[in-house]
Amino acid sequence: MKQEGDVLFLEYVVKALVDNPSDVKIVRTVDEMGVLLTLSLNPADMGKIIGRMGNTAKAIRTLLRVVGMKNNARVNLKINEPEGAPPREIKASKTVDESLEDLKI
């Protein structure tokens, strides 16, 4: 079975970033919305793929859109949350007053 270019590209990029490349699994589905690549990986590697503030994941998604445009397809990426993963903490941002106090204005 011939693998699609978008899957090969994603696999190459992700395996280069993670510590457990053998755990990388990609499922490709196509529907009326376009191509959906679902990525599963070792829970220890989640941080490497998501990146700070989600920047690595955003960059990978942007590159996949470019790969998709080359093939006249809309490509989206879904990253599966590992089972049993602790809930992510969402840090509340400071209020305006707290920020001004930090600046000592």
C-alpha atoms as a PDB file:
ATOM      1  CA  MET A   1       0.000   0.000   0.000  1.00  0.00           C
ATOM      2  CA  LYS A   2       1.435   3.375  -1.048  1.00  0.00           C
ATOM      3  CA  GLN A   3       1.678   5.909   1.766  1.00  0.00           C
ATOM      4  CA  GLU A   4       0.503   9.435   1.074  1.00  0.00           C
ATOM      5  CA  GLY A   5       2.989  12.312   1.064  1.00  0.00           C
ATOM      6  CA  ASP A   6       1.289  14.073   3.965  1.00  0.00           C
ATOM      7  CA  VAL A   7       1.620  10.980   6.171  1.00  0.00           C
ATOM      8  CA  LEU A   8       5.262  10.482   5.192  1.00  0.00           C
ATOM      9  CA  PHE A   9       6.017  14.134   5.912  1.00  0.00           C
ATOM     10  CA  LEU A  10       4.305  14.091   9.326  1.00  0.00           C
ATOM     11  CA  GLU A  11       5.968  10.809  10.251  1.00  0.00           C
ATOM     12  CA  TYR A  12       9.409  12.172   9.306  1.00  0.00           C
ATOM     13  CA  VAL A  13       8.988  15.391  11.314  1.00  0.00           C
ATOM     14  CA  VAL A  14       7.451  13.787  14.409  1.00  0.00           C
ATOM     15  CA  LYS A  15       9.919  10.888  14.581  1.00  0.00           C
ATOM     16  CA  ALA A  16      12.791  13.384  14.394  1.00  0.00           C
ATOM     17  CA  LEU A  17      11.414  15.258  17.444  1.00  0.00           C
ATOM     18  CA  VAL A  18      10.455  12.446  19.836  1.00  0.00           C
ATOM     19  CA  ASP A  19      12.461  10.083  22.045  1.00  0.00           C
ATOM     20  CA  ASN A  20      10.236   7.082  21.213  1.00  0.00           C
ATOM     21  CA  PRO A  21       9.836   7.078  17.410  1.00  0.00           C
ATOM     22  CA  SER A  22       8.621   3.471  17.361  1.00  0.00           C
ATOM     23  CA  ASP A  23       5.500   4.582  19.305  1.00  0.00           C
ATOM     24  CA  VAL A  24       4.448   7.096  16.619  1.00  0.00           C
ATOM     25  CA  LYS A  25       1.209   6.065  14.888  1.00  0.00           C
ATOM     26  CA  ILE A  26      -0.600   8.067  12.218  1.00  0.00           C
ATOM     27  CA  VAL A  27      -4.090   7.328  10.929  1.00  0.00           C
ATOM     28  CA  ARG A  28      -5.230   9.099   7.743  1.00  0.00           C
ATOM     29  CA  THR A  29      -8.928   9.605   7.022  1.00  0.00           C
ATOM     30  CA  VAL A  30     -10.536  11.504   4.167  1.00  0.00           C
ATOM     31  CA  ASP A  31     -14.023  13.011   4.155  1.00  0.00           C
ATOM     32  CA  GLU A  32     -15.868  15.998   2.684  1.00  0.00           C
ATOM     33  CA  MET A  33     -13.889  18.324   5.003  1.00  0.00           C
ATOM     34  CA  GLY A  34     -10.532  17.113   3.660  1.00  0.00           C
ATOM     35  CA  VAL A  35      -7.777  14.976   5.114  1.00  0.00           C
ATOM     36  CA  LEU A  36      -7.503  14.328   8.844  1.00  0.00           C
ATOM     37  CA  LEU A  37      -4.246  12.964  10.204  1.00  0.00           C
ATOM     38  CA  THR A  38      -4.629  11.575  13.723  1.00  0.00           C
ATOM     39  CA  LEU A  39      -1.346  11.325  15.608  1.00  0.00           C
ATOM     40  CA  SER A  40      -0.787   8.995  18.548  1.00  0.00           C
ATOM     41  CA  LEU A  41       2.506   8.877  20.403  1.00  0.00           C
ATOM     42  CA  ASN A  42       4.191   7.990  23.670  1.00  0.00           C
ATOM     43  CA  PRO A  43       2.816  10.133  26.536  1.00  0.00           C
ATOM     44  CA  ALA A  44       6.390  11.110  27.469  1.00  0.00           C
ATOM     45  CA  ASP A  45       6.756  12.770  24.040  1.00  0.00           C
ATOM     46  CA  MET A  46       3.599  14.902  24.156  1.00  0.00           C
ATOM     47  CA  GLY A  47       5.445  17.990  25.360  1.00  0.00           C
ATOM     48  CA  LYS A  48       7.945  17.778  22.520  1.00  0.00           C
ATOM     49  CA  ILE A  49       5.206  17.733  19.898  1.00  0.00           C
ATOM     50  CA  ILE A  50       2.945  20.331  21.514  1.00  0.00           C
ATOM     51  CA  GLY A  51       5.823  22.673  22.402  1.00  0.00           C
ATOM     52  CA  ARG A  52       5.725  25.811  24.495  1.00  0.00           C
ATOM     53  CA  MET A  53       2.347  27.519  24.204  1.00  0.00           C
ATOM     54  CA  GLY A  54       1.503  24.992  21.468  1.00  0.00           C
ATOM     55  CA  ASN A  55       3.987  26.555  19.059  1.00  0.00           C
ATOM     56  CA  THR A  56       5.495  23.293  17.778  1.00  0.00           C
ATOM     57  CA  ALA A  57       2.045  21.834  17.069  1.00  0.00           C
ATOM     58  CA  LYS A  58       1.012  25.069  15.309  1.00  0.00           C
ATOM     59  CA  ALA A  59       4.142  24.954  13.149  1.00  0.00           C
ATOM     60  CA  ILE A  60       3.535  21.314  12.197  1.00  0.00           C
ATOM     61  CA  ARG A  61      -0.091  22.138  11.306  1.00  0.00           C
ATOM     62  CA  THR A  62       1.038  25.078   9.161  1.00  0.00           C
ATOM     63  CA  LEU A  63       3.533  22.903   7.281  1.00  0.00           C
ATOM     64  CA  LEU A  64       0.872  20.222   6.760  1.00  0.00           C
ATOM     65  CA  ARG A  65      -1.442  22.839   5.229  1.00  0.00           C
ATOM     66  CA  VAL A  66       1.334  23.754   2.787  1.00  0.00           C
ATOM     67  CA  VAL A  67       1.830  20.075   1.909  1.00  0.00           C
ATOM     68  CA  GLY A  68      -1.947  19.822   1.430  1.00  0.00           C
ATOM     69  CA  MET A  69      -2.114  22.896  -0.800  1.00  0.00           C
ATOM     70  CA  LYS A  70       0.517  21.327  -3.050  1.00  0.00           C
ATOM     71  CA  ASN A  71      -1.881  18.384  -3.473  1.00  0.00           C
ATOM     72  CA  ASN A  72      -5.087  20.474  -3.572  1.00  0.00           C
ATOM     73  CA  ALA A  73      -6.264  19.049  -0.247  1.00  0.00           C
ATOM     74  CA  ARG A  74      -7.099  20.510   3.139  1.00  0.00           C
ATOM     75  CA  VAL A  75      -4.983  18.696   5.727  1.00  0.00           C
ATOM     76  CA  ASN A  76      -5.742  18.876   9.446  1.00  0.00           C
ATOM     77  CA  LEU A  77      -3.885  17.344  12.374  1.00  0.00           C
ATOM     78  CA  LYS A  78      -5.427  15.873  15.510  1.00  0.00           C
ATOM     79  CA  ILE A  79      -3.092  14.900  18.333  1.00  0.00           C
ATOM     80  CA  ASN A  80      -4.560  12.159  20.508  1.00  0.00           C
ATOM     81  CA  GLU A  81      -4.322  12.793  24.247  1.00  0.00           C
ATOM     82  CA  PRO A  82      -2.784   9.727  25.895  1.00  0.00           C
ATOM     83  CA  GLU A  83      -5.087   7.733  28.158  1.00  0.00           C
ATOM     84  CA  GLY A  84      -4.598   8.391  31.832  1.00  0.00           C
ATOM     85  CA  ALA A  85      -2.792  11.670  31.207  1.00  0.00           C
ATOM     86  CA  PRO A  86      -3.085  14.169  34.031  1.00  0.00           C
ATOM     87  CA  PRO A  87      -5.344  17.117  33.206  1.00  0.00           C
ATOM     88  CA  ARG A  88      -3.419  20.089  31.898  1.00  0.00           C
ATOM     89  CA  GLU A  89      -3.286  23.087  34.173  1.00  0.00           C
ATOM     90  CA  ILE A  90      -4.442  26.312  32.656  1.00  0.00           C
ATOM     91  CA  LYS A  91      -2.624  29.170  34.275  1.00  0.00           C
ATOM     92  CA  ALA A  92      -4.851  32.175  34.742  1.00  0.00           C
ATOM     93  CA  SER A  93      -3.325  35.368  33.448  1.00  0.00           C
ATOM     94  CA  LYS A  94      -2.859  38.311  35.772  1.00  0.00           C
ATOM     95  CA  THR A  95      -5.414  41.032  36.111  1.00  0.00           C
ATOM     96  CA  VAL A  96      -4.606  44.506  34.817  1.00  0.00           C
ATOM     97  CA  ASP A  97      -4.126  45.735  38.402  1.00  0.00           C
ATOM     98  CA  GLU A  98      -1.670  42.905  39.176  1.00  0.00           C
ATOM     99  CA  SER A  99       0.278  43.647  36.010  1.00  0.00           C
ATOM    100  CA  LEU A 100       0.458  47.361  36.824  1.00  0.00           C
ATOM    101  CA  GLU A 101       1.622  46.511  40.341  1.00  0.00           C
ATOM    102  CA  ASP A 102       4.423  44.388  38.843  1.00  0.00           C
ATOM    103  CA  LEU A 103       5.486  47.366  36.731  1.00  0.00           C
ATOM    104  CA  LYS A 104       5.400  49.645  39.780  1.00  0.00           C
ATOM    105  CA  ILE A 105       3.581  52.354  37.837  1.00  0.00           C
END
